[in-house]
């Protein structure tokens, strides 16, 4: 007896099976774009971090200044 000859066929293309890579490509492109945008925005915000200077007294000194102004009973002299 002779062995039977087995013929192997290549698998069918994926679009025939109802599967397409197009939606996956679009989702991947949108995801990569969002990641790059978040990275650029975070770098921009880090480099342009604002610093400001206030002329207010710190919390401890401001409360002391208010207490001394309210509690003083000395006469104040005004210059004209």
PDB file of N, CA and C in Angstrom:
ATOM      1  N   UNK A   1       0.782  -1.176   0.000  1.00  0.00           N
ATOM      2  CA  UNK A   1       0.000   0.000   0.000  1.00  0.00           C
ATOM      3  C   UNK A   1       0.836   1.257   0.000  1.00  0.00           C
ATOM      4  N   UNK A   2       0.378   2.149  -0.758  1.00  0.00           N
ATOM      5  CA  UNK A   2       1.056   3.425  -0.871  1.00  0.00           C
ATOM      6  C   UNK A   2       0.472   4.432   0.121  1.00  0.00           C
ATOM      7  N   UNK A   3       1.333   5.259   0.767  1.00  0.00           N
ATOM      8  CA  UNK A   3       0.763   6.268   1.674  1.00  0.00           C
ATOM      9  C   UNK A   3       0.002   7.331   0.870  1.00  0.00           C
ATOM     10  N   UNK A   4      -1.056   7.825   1.494  1.00  0.00           N
ATOM     11  CA  UNK A   4      -1.845   8.857   0.818  1.00  0.00           C
ATOM     12  C   UNK A   4      -1.078  10.166   0.810  1.00  0.00           C
ATOM     13  N   UNK A   5      -1.221  10.838  -0.260  1.00  0.00           N
ATOM     14  CA  UNK A   5      -0.537  12.116  -0.415  1.00  0.00           C
ATOM     15  C   UNK A   5      -1.398  13.213   0.228  1.00  0.00           C
ATOM     16  N   UNK A   6      -0.780  13.989   1.132  1.00  0.00           N
ATOM     17  CA  UNK A   6      -1.496  15.060   1.835  1.00  0.00           C
ATOM     18  C   UNK A   6      -1.149  16.376   1.170  1.00  0.00           C
ATOM     19  N   UNK A   7      -2.163  17.081   0.764  1.00  0.00           N
ATOM     20  CA  UNK A   7      -1.948  18.392   0.140  1.00  0.00           C
ATOM     21  C   UNK A   7      -2.306  19.455   1.176  1.00  0.00           C
ATOM     22  N   UNK A   8      -1.341  20.307   1.473  1.00  0.00           N
ATOM     23  CA  UNK A   8      -1.609  21.383   2.431  1.00  0.00           C
ATOM     24  C   UNK A   8      -1.808  22.681   1.659  1.00  0.00           C
ATOM     25  N   UNK A   9      -2.881  23.334   1.972  1.00  0.00           N
ATOM     26  CA  UNK A   9      -3.200  24.599   1.325  1.00  0.00           C
ATOM     27  C   UNK A   9      -2.798  25.744   2.248  1.00  0.00           C
ATOM     28  N   UNK A  10      -2.412  26.864   1.665  1.00  0.00           N
ATOM     29  CA  UNK A  10      -2.105  28.021   2.522  1.00  0.00           C
ATOM     30  C   UNK A  10      -3.383  28.512   3.193  1.00  0.00           C
ATOM     31  N   UNK A  11      -3.247  29.153   4.346  1.00  0.00           N
ATOM     32  CA  UNK A  11      -4.448  29.648   5.028  1.00  0.00           C
ATOM     33  C   UNK A  11      -5.110  30.745   4.193  1.00  0.00           C
ATOM     34  N   UNK A  12      -6.398  30.900   4.304  1.00  0.00           N
ATOM     35  CA  UNK A  12      -7.075  31.943   3.527  1.00  0.00           C
ATOM     36  C   UNK A  12      -6.686  33.324   4.043  1.00  0.00           C
ATOM     37  N   UNK A  13      -6.746  34.329   3.182  1.00  0.00           N
ATOM     38  CA  UNK A  13      -6.440  35.690   3.642  1.00  0.00           C
ATOM     39  C   UNK A  13      -7.390  36.106   4.767  1.00  0.00           C
ATOM     40  N   UNK A  14      -6.908  36.990   5.610  1.00  0.00           N
ATOM     41  CA  UNK A  14      -7.694  37.373   6.785  1.00  0.00           C
ATOM     42  C   UNK A  14      -8.960  38.130   6.418  1.00  0.00           C
ATOM     43  N   UNK A  15      -8.949  38.891   5.316  1.00  0.00           N
ATOM     44  CA  UNK A  15     -10.153  39.636   4.973  1.00  0.00           C
ATOM     45  C   UNK A  15     -11.275  38.701   4.524  1.00  0.00           C
ATOM     46  N   UNK A  16     -10.938  37.508   4.082  1.00  0.00           N
ATOM     47  CA  UNK A  16     -11.965  36.536   3.733  1.00  0.00           C
ATOM     48  C   UNK A  16     -12.619  35.996   5.013  1.00  0.00           C
ATOM     49  N   UNK A  17     -11.839  35.895   6.078  1.00  0.00           N
ATOM     50  CA  UNK A  17     -12.370  35.387   7.335  1.00  0.00           C
ATOM     51  C   UNK A  17     -13.203  36.429   8.081  1.00  0.00           C
ATOM     52  N   UNK A  18     -13.288  37.629   7.560  1.00  0.00           N
ATOM     53  CA  UNK A  18     -14.073  38.672   8.212  1.00  0.00           C
ATOM     54  C   UNK A  18     -13.257  39.503   9.184  1.00  0.00           C
ATOM     55  N   UNK A  19     -11.956  39.421   9.112  1.00  0.00           N
ATOM     56  CA  UNK A  19     -11.089  40.165  10.026  1.00  0.00           C
ATOM     57  C   UNK A  19     -10.235  41.112   9.207  1.00  0.00           C
ATOM     58  N   UNK A  20     -10.160  42.343   9.631  1.00  0.00           N
ATOM     59  CA  UNK A  20      -9.369  43.327   8.902  1.00  0.00           C
ATOM     60  C   UNK A  20      -8.450  44.050   9.882  1.00  0.00           C
ATOM     61  N   UNK A  21      -7.288  44.393   9.411  1.00  0.00           N
ATOM     62  CA  UNK A  21      -6.339  45.113  10.259  1.00  0.00           C
ATOM     63  C   UNK A  21      -6.553  46.624  10.217  1.00  0.00           C
ATOM     64  N   UNK A  22      -7.439  47.118   9.389  1.00  0.00           N
ATOM     65  CA  UNK A  22      -7.646  48.558   9.263  1.00  0.00           C
ATOM     66  C   UNK A  22      -8.105  49.196  10.575  1.00  0.00           C
ATOM     67  N   UNK A  23      -9.124  48.677  11.254  1.00  0.00           N
ATOM     68  CA  UNK A  23      -9.522  49.311  12.524  1.00  0.00           C
ATOM     69  C   UNK A  23      -8.416  49.274  13.575  1.00  0.00           C
ATOM     70  N   UNK A  24      -7.645  48.205  13.596  1.00  0.00           N
ATOM     71  CA  UNK A  24      -6.543  48.141  14.560  1.00  0.00           C
ATOM     72  C   UNK A  24      -5.477  49.181  14.250  1.00  0.00           C
ATOM     73  N   UNK A  25      -5.234  49.408  12.977  1.00  0.00           N
ATOM     74  CA  UNK A  25      -4.256  50.432  12.587  1.00  0.00           C
ATOM     75  C   UNK A  25      -4.715  51.824  12.966  1.00  0.00           C
ATOM     76  N   UNK A  26      -5.993  52.102  12.789  1.00  0.00           N
ATOM     77  CA  UNK A  26      -6.532  53.421  13.161  1.00  0.00           C
ATOM     78  C   UNK A  26      -6.455  53.618  14.667  1.00  0.00           C
ATOM     79  N   UNK A  27      -6.832  52.608  15.426  1.00  0.00           N
ATOM     80  CA  UNK A  27      -6.780  52.703  16.886  1.00  0.00           C
ATOM     81  C   UNK A  27      -5.338  52.893  17.353  1.00  0.00           C
ATOM     82  N   UNK A  28      -4.409  52.173  16.750  1.00  0.00           N
ATOM     83  CA  UNK A  28      -2.995  52.319  17.125  1.00  0.00           C
ATOM     84  C   UNK A  28      -2.485  53.710  16.792  1.00  0.00           C
ATOM     85  N   UNK A  29      -2.867  54.254  15.635  1.00  0.00           N
ATOM     86  CA  UNK A  29      -2.416  55.597  15.246  1.00  0.00           C
ATOM     87  C   UNK A  29      -2.966  56.652  16.197  1.00  0.00           C
ATOM     88  N   UNK A  30      -4.225  56.527  16.583  1.00  0.00           N
ATOM     89  CA  UNK A  30      -4.819  57.491  17.518  1.00  0.00           C
ATOM     90  C   UNK A  30      -4.139  57.389  18.882  1.00  0.00           C
ATOM     91  N   UNK A  31      -3.885  56.181  19.346  1.00  0.00           N
ATOM     92  CA  UNK A  31      -3.233  55.992  20.639  1.00  0.00           C
ATOM     93  C   UNK A  31      -1.823  56.583  20.636  1.00  0.00           C
ATOM     94  N   UNK A  32      -1.065  56.336  19.590  1.00  0.00           N
ATOM     95  CA  UNK A  32       0.304  56.875  19.499  1.00  0.00           C
ATOM     96  C   UNK A  32       0.265  58.392  19.443  1.00  0.00           C
ATOM     97  N   UNK A  33      -0.700  58.954  18.710  1.00  0.00           N
ATOM     98  CA  UNK A  33      -0.831  60.414  18.638  1.00  0.00           C
ATOM     99  C   UNK A  33      -1.150  61.007  20.003  1.00  0.00           C
ATOM    100  N   UNK A  34      -2.039  60.363  20.749  1.00  0.00           N
ATOM    101  CA  UNK A  34      -2.375  60.856  22.089  1.00  0.00           C
ATOM    102  C   UNK A  34      -1.186  60.779  23.042  1.00  0.00           C
ATOM    103  N   UNK A  35      -0.420  59.719  22.969  1.00  0.00           N
ATOM    104  CA  UNK A  35       0.751  59.579  23.836  1.00  0.00           C
ATOM    105  C   UNK A  35       1.779  60.669  23.518  1.00  0.00           C
ATOM    106  N   UNK A  36       1.994  60.932  22.238  1.00  0.00           N
ATOM    107  CA  UNK A  36       2.953  61.982  21.847  1.00  0.00           C
ATOM    108  C   UNK A  36       2.442  63.351  22.293  1.00  0.00           C
ATOM    109  N   UNK A  37       1.145  63.610  22.141  1.00  0.00           N
ATOM    110  CA  UNK A  37       0.586  64.899  22.555  1.00  0.00           C
ATOM    111  C   UNK A  37       0.724  65.101  24.055  1.00  0.00           C
ATOM    112  N   UNK A  38       0.444  64.076  24.844  1.00  0.00           N
ATOM    113  CA  UNK A  38       0.586  64.182  26.307  1.00  0.00           C
ATOM    114  C   UNK A  38       2.045  64.416  26.680  1.00  0.00           C
ATOM    115  N   UNK A  39       2.957  63.747  26.003  1.00  0.00           N
ATOM    116  CA  UNK A  39       4.384  63.929  26.288  1.00  0.00           C
ATOM    117  C   UNK A  39       4.820  65.358  25.962  1.00  0.00           C
ATOM    118  N   UNK A  40       4.390  65.890  24.821  1.00  0.00           N
ATOM    119  CA  UNK A  40       4.776  67.255  24.450  1.00  0.00           C
ATOM    120  C   UNK A  40       4.179  68.284  25.399  1.00  0.00           C
ATOM    121  N   UNK A  41       2.936  68.090  25.784  1.00  0.00           N
ATOM    122  CA  UNK A  41       2.304  69.038  26.714  1.00  0.00           C
ATOM    123  C   UNK A  41       2.987  69.006  28.069  1.00  0.00           C
ATOM    124  N   UNK A  42       3.330  67.824  28.550  1.00  0.00           N
ATOM    125  CA  UNK A  42       3.986  67.746  29.855  1.00  0.00           C
ATOM    126  C   UNK A  42       5.380  68.365  29.817  1.00  0.00           C
ATOM    127  N   UNK A  43       6.115  68.196  28.733  1.00  0.00           N
ATOM    128  CA  UNK A  43       7.432  68.829  28.613  1.00  0.00           C
ATOM    129  C   UNK A  43       7.274  70.343  28.567  1.00  0.00           C
ATOM    130  N   UNK A  44       6.294  70.836  27.819  1.00  0.00           N
ATOM    131  CA  UNK A  44       6.062  72.280  27.736  1.00  0.00           C
ATOM    132  C   UNK A  44       5.711  72.853  29.102  1.00  0.00           C
ATOM    133  N   UNK A  45       4.806  72.195  29.818  1.00  0.00           N
ATOM    134  CA  UNK A  45       4.411  72.701  31.133  1.00  0.00           C
ATOM    135  C   UNK A  45       5.561  72.638  32.127  1.00  0.00           C
ATOM    136  N   UNK A  46       6.417  71.631  32.016  1.00  0.00           N
ATOM    137  CA  UNK A  46       7.554  71.524  32.922  1.00  0.00           C
ATOM    138  C   UNK A  46       8.549  72.646  32.663  1.00  0.00           C
ATOM    139  N   UNK A  47       8.806  72.947  31.396  1.00  0.00           N
ATOM    140  CA  UNK A  47       9.793  73.980  31.068  1.00  0.00           C
ATOM    141  C   UNK A  47       9.268  75.380  31.338  1.00  0.00           C
ATOM    142  N   UNK A  48       7.967  75.603  31.235  1.00  0.00           N
ATOM    143  CA  UNK A  48       7.402  76.932  31.421  1.00  0.00           C
ATOM    144  C   UNK A  48       6.674  77.042  32.753  1.00  0.00           C
ATOM    145  N   UNK A  49       7.206  76.343  33.735  1.00  0.00           N
ATOM    146  CA  UNK A  49       6.625  76.389  35.066  1.00  0.00           C
ATOM    147  C   UNK A  49       6.839  77.789  35.621  1.00  0.00           C
ATOM    148  N   UNK A  50       5.769  78.437  35.994  1.00  0.00           N
ATOM    149  CA  UNK A  50       5.857  79.811  36.462  1.00  0.00           C
ATOM    150  C   UNK A  50       6.228  79.893  37.923  1.00  0.00           C
ATOM    151  N   UNK A  51       7.039  80.882  38.238  1.00  0.00           N
ATOM    152  CA  UNK A  51       7.326  81.164  39.641  1.00  0.00           C
ATOM    153  C   UNK A  51       6.950  82.618  39.879  1.00  0.00           C
ATOM    154  N   UNK A  52       6.440  82.894  41.015  1.00  0.00           N
ATOM    155  CA  UNK A  52       6.001  84.240  41.316  1.00  0.00           C
ATOM    156  C   UNK A  52       6.506  84.640  42.691  1.00  0.00           C
ATOM    157  N   UNK A  53       6.615  85.937  42.874  1.00  0.00           N
ATOM    158  CA  UNK A  53       7.104  86.488  44.130  1.00  0.00           C
ATOM    159  C   UNK A  53       5.967  87.276  44.763  1.00  0.00           C
ATOM    160  N   UNK A  54       5.694  87.004  46.017  1.00  0.00           N
ATOM    161  CA  UNK A  54       4.666  87.761  46.715  1.00  0.00           C
ATOM    162  C   UNK A  54       5.337  88.714  47.688  1.00  0.00           C
ATOM    163  N   UNK A  55       4.676  89.806  47.928  1.00  0.00           N
ATOM    164  CA  UNK A  55       5.195  90.795  48.865  1.00  0.00           C
ATOM    165  C   UNK A  55       4.494  90.690  50.212  1.00  0.00           C
ATOM    166  N   UNK A  56       3.759  89.635  50.423  1.00  0.00           N
ATOM    167  CA  UNK A  56       3.055  89.457  51.672  1.00  0.00           C
ATOM    168  C   UNK A  56       3.989  88.872  52.722  1.00  0.00           C
ATOM    169  N   UNK A  57       3.670  89.152  53.962  1.00  0.00           N
ATOM    170  CA  UNK A  57       4.433  88.583  55.058  1.00  0.00           C
ATOM    171  C   UNK A  57       4.080  87.118  55.214  1.00  0.00           C
ATOM    172  N   UNK A  58       5.004  86.333  55.707  1.00  0.00           N
ATOM    173  CA  UNK A  58       4.636  84.941  56.003  1.00  0.00           C
ATOM    174  C   UNK A  58       3.535  84.891  57.053  1.00  0.00           C
ATOM    175  N   UNK A  59       2.889  83.762  57.189  1.00  0.00           N
ATOM    176  CA  UNK A  59       1.729  83.610  58.075  1.00  0.00           C
ATOM    177  C   UNK A  59       2.047  84.009  59.518  1.00  0.00           C
ATOM    178  N   UNK A  60       3.208  83.634  60.036  1.00  0.00           N
ATOM    179  CA  UNK A  60       3.550  83.927  61.428  1.00  0.00           C
ATOM    180  C   UNK A  60       3.739  85.430  61.641  1.00  0.00           C
ATOM    181  N   UNK A  61       4.463  86.063  60.757  1.00  0.00           N
ATOM    182  CA  UNK A  61       4.758  87.489  60.936  1.00  0.00           C
ATOM    183  C   UNK A  61       3.520  88.353  60.731  1.00  0.00           C
ATOM    184  N   UNK A  62       2.653  87.962  59.820  1.00  0.00           N
ATOM    185  CA  UNK A  62       1.470  88.782  59.563  1.00  0.00           C
ATOM    186  C   UNK A  62       0.523  88.772  60.758  1.00  0.00           C
ATOM    187  N   UNK A  63       0.394  87.630  61.428  1.00  0.00           N
ATOM    188  CA  UNK A  63      -0.495  87.584  62.592  1.00  0.00           C
ATOM    189  C   UNK A  63       0.099  88.388  63.749  1.00  0.00           C
ATOM    190  N   UNK A  64       1.425  88.382  63.887  1.00  0.00           N
ATOM    191  CA  UNK A  64       2.062  89.187  64.938  1.00  0.00           C
ATOM    192  C   UNK A  64       1.878  90.665  64.668  1.00  0.00           C
ATOM    193  N   UNK A  65       1.987  91.070  63.405  1.00  0.00           N
ATOM    194  CA  UNK A  65       1.830  92.474  63.057  1.00  0.00           C
ATOM    195  C   UNK A  65       0.411  92.940  63.344  1.00  0.00           C
ATOM    196  N   UNK A  66      -0.587  92.113  63.063  1.00  0.00           N
ATOM    197  CA  UNK A  66      -1.965  92.485  63.356  1.00  0.00           C
ATOM    198  C   UNK A  66      -2.204  92.584  64.861  1.00  0.00           C
ATOM    199  N   UNK A  67      -1.605  91.705  65.635  1.00  0.00           N
ATOM    200  CA  UNK A  67      -1.800  91.729  67.088  1.00  0.00           C
ATOM    201  C   UNK A  67      -1.180  92.985  67.682  1.00  0.00           C
ATOM    202  N   UNK A  68      -0.027  93.390  67.227  1.00  0.00           N
ATOM    203  CA  UNK A  68       0.612  94.572  67.802  1.00  0.00           C
ATOM    204  C   UNK A  68      -0.128  95.838  67.416  1.00  0.00           C
ATOM    205  N   UNK A  69      -0.720  95.884  66.219  1.00  0.00           N
ATOM    206  CA  UNK A  69      -1.456  97.084  65.821  1.00  0.00           C
ATOM    207  C   UNK A  69      -2.743  97.222  66.643  1.00  0.00           C
ATOM    208  N   UNK A  70      -3.416  96.119  66.897  1.00  0.00           N
ATOM    209  CA  UNK A  70      -4.675  96.176  67.632  1.00  0.00           C
ATOM    210  C   UNK A  70      -4.442  96.435  69.126  1.00  0.00           C
ATOM    211  N   UNK A  71      -3.374  95.904  69.698  1.00  0.00           N
ATOM    212  CA  UNK A  71      -3.162  95.985  71.131  1.00  0.00           C
ATOM    213  C   UNK A  71      -2.442  97.247  71.589  1.00  0.00           C
ATOM    214  N   UNK A  72      -1.898  98.031  70.686  1.00  0.00           N
ATOM    215  CA  UNK A  72      -1.132  99.199  71.132  1.00  0.00           C
ATOM    216  C   UNK A  72      -2.083 100.342  71.484  1.00  0.00           C
ATOM    217  N   UNK A  73      -1.830 100.920  72.650  1.00  0.00           N
ATOM    218  CA  UNK A  73      -2.677 102.040  73.086  1.00  0.00           C
ATOM    219  C   UNK A  73      -1.887 103.345  73.092  1.00  0.00           C
ATOM    220  N   UNK A  74      -0.714 103.318  72.496  1.00  0.00           N
ATOM    221  CA  UNK A  74       0.093 104.546  72.460  1.00  0.00           C
ATOM    222  C   UNK A  74      -0.480 105.500  71.429  1.00  0.00           C
ATOM    223  N   UNK A  75      -0.250 106.783  71.671  1.00  0.00           N
ATOM    224  CA  UNK A  75      -0.693 107.782  70.712  1.00  0.00           C
ATOM    225  C   UNK A  75       0.283 107.791  69.546  1.00  0.00           C
ATOM    226  N   UNK A  76      -0.270 107.930  68.401  1.00  0.00           N
ATOM    227  CA  UNK A  76       0.581 108.003  67.221  1.00  0.00           C
ATOM    228  C   UNK A  76       0.733 109.460  66.811  1.00  0.00           C
ATOM    229  N   UNK A  77       1.913 109.796  66.369  1.00  0.00           N
ATOM    230  CA  UNK A  77       2.166 111.158  65.901  1.00  0.00           C
ATOM    231  C   UNK A  77       2.077 111.187  64.388  1.00  0.00           C
ATOM    232  N   UNK A  78       1.403 112.170  63.900  1.00  0.00           N
ATOM    233  CA  UNK A  78       1.278 112.339  62.449  1.00  0.00           C
ATOM    234  C   UNK A  78       2.034 113.579  62.037  1.00  0.00           C
ATOM    235  N   UNK A  79       2.808 113.490  60.996  1.00  0.00           N
ATOM    236  CA  UNK A  79       3.542 114.637  60.505  1.00  0.00           C
ATOM    237  C   UNK A  79       2.784 115.271  59.366  1.00  0.00           C
ATOM    238  N   UNK A  80       2.770 116.597  59.372  1.00  0.00           N
ATOM    239  CA  UNK A  80       2.079 117.307  58.288  1.00  0.00           C
ATOM    240  C   UNK A  80       3.050 117.999  57.399  1.00  0.00           C
TER     241      UNK A  80
END
